[in-house]
Protein backbone atom coordinates (compact mmCIF):
# COMPACT_ATOMS: atom_id res chain seq x y z
CA UNK A 1 151.55 115.85 67.04
CA UNK A 2 149.27 117.88 69.33
CA UNK A 3 150.61 120.84 71.24
CA UNK A 4 151.44 119.99 74.85
CA UNK A 5 149.43 121.94 77.43
CA UNK A 6 151.39 123.57 80.24
CA UNK A 7 150.27 123.03 83.81
CA UNK A 8 150.62 126.78 84.45
CA UNK A 9 149.52 129.95 82.67
CA UNK A 10 152.02 132.77 83.14
CA UNK A 11 150.99 136.39 83.23
CA UNK A 12 150.29 139.34 85.50
CA UNK A 13 148.25 139.62 88.72
CA UNK A 14 146.57 142.85 89.81
CA UNK A 15 146.23 143.68 93.51
CA UNK A 16 144.08 146.46 95.04
CA UNK A 17 144.20 147.79 98.63
CA UNK A 18 140.64 148.64 99.71
CA UNK A 19 141.79 149.43 103.25
CA UNK A 20 142.20 145.96 104.78
CA UNK A 21 145.40 144.99 102.98
CA UNK A 22 146.22 143.90 99.45
CA UNK A 23 143.56 141.77 97.70
CA UNK A 24 144.11 139.76 94.51
CA UNK A 25 141.74 141.21 91.92
CA UNK A 26 142.41 139.75 88.44
CA UNK A 27 144.86 137.95 86.14
CA UNK A 28 145.91 138.91 82.60
CA UNK A 29 148.24 136.94 80.32
CA UNK A 30 149.74 139.94 78.51
CA UNK A 31 151.41 143.05 79.91
CA UNK A 32 149.50 145.20 77.42
CA UNK A 33 146.15 143.94 78.77
CA UNK A 34 147.32 144.43 82.35
CA UNK A 35 148.27 148.04 81.65
CA UNK A 36 144.83 148.60 80.13
CA UNK A 37 143.07 147.13 83.22
CA UNK A 38 145.30 149.28 85.46
CA UNK A 39 144.29 152.39 83.50
CA UNK A 40 140.60 151.46 83.87
CA UNK A 41 140.97 150.98 87.63
CA UNK A 42 142.82 154.31 87.91
CA UNK A 43 139.95 156.10 86.09
CA UNK A 44 137.10 154.41 87.99
CA UNK A 45 138.54 154.06 91.51
CA UNK A 46 141.40 156.55 91.89
CA UNK A 47 141.31 156.50 95.71
CA UNK A 48 142.58 152.91 96.07
CA UNK A 49 146.27 151.96 95.73
CA UNK A 50 147.04 149.44 92.96
CA UNK A 51 149.99 147.23 92.07
CA UNK A 52 150.70 144.32 89.74
CA UNK A 53 153.25 141.49 89.80
CA UNK A 54 154.28 138.67 87.55
CA UNK A 55 152.51 135.46 88.52
CA UNK A 56 151.05 132.16 87.41
CA UNK A 57 147.77 130.28 87.70
CA UNK A 58 146.76 126.69 87.09
CA UNK A 59 145.72 125.99 83.51
CA UNK A 60 142.11 124.70 83.43
CA UNK A 61 142.86 122.84 80.16
CA UNK A 62 145.78 120.89 81.62
CA UNK A 63 145.30 117.14 81.72
CA UNK A 64 147.90 115.65 84.04
CA UNK A 65 149.47 112.23 83.81
């Protein structure tokens, strides 16, 4: 039996404030990867505030009923 595809992918969303409010920047499925992206943003653009939250996105492989 084939593995059932979820409609949603759960993970972490990164938001950056470039001065006009919080903007959604990227999505990572694992917390470890999100922490790595956060470290990279902190090194390359230290002047902008950053935050991340748990979130979900539609799965592009999902085939509905």
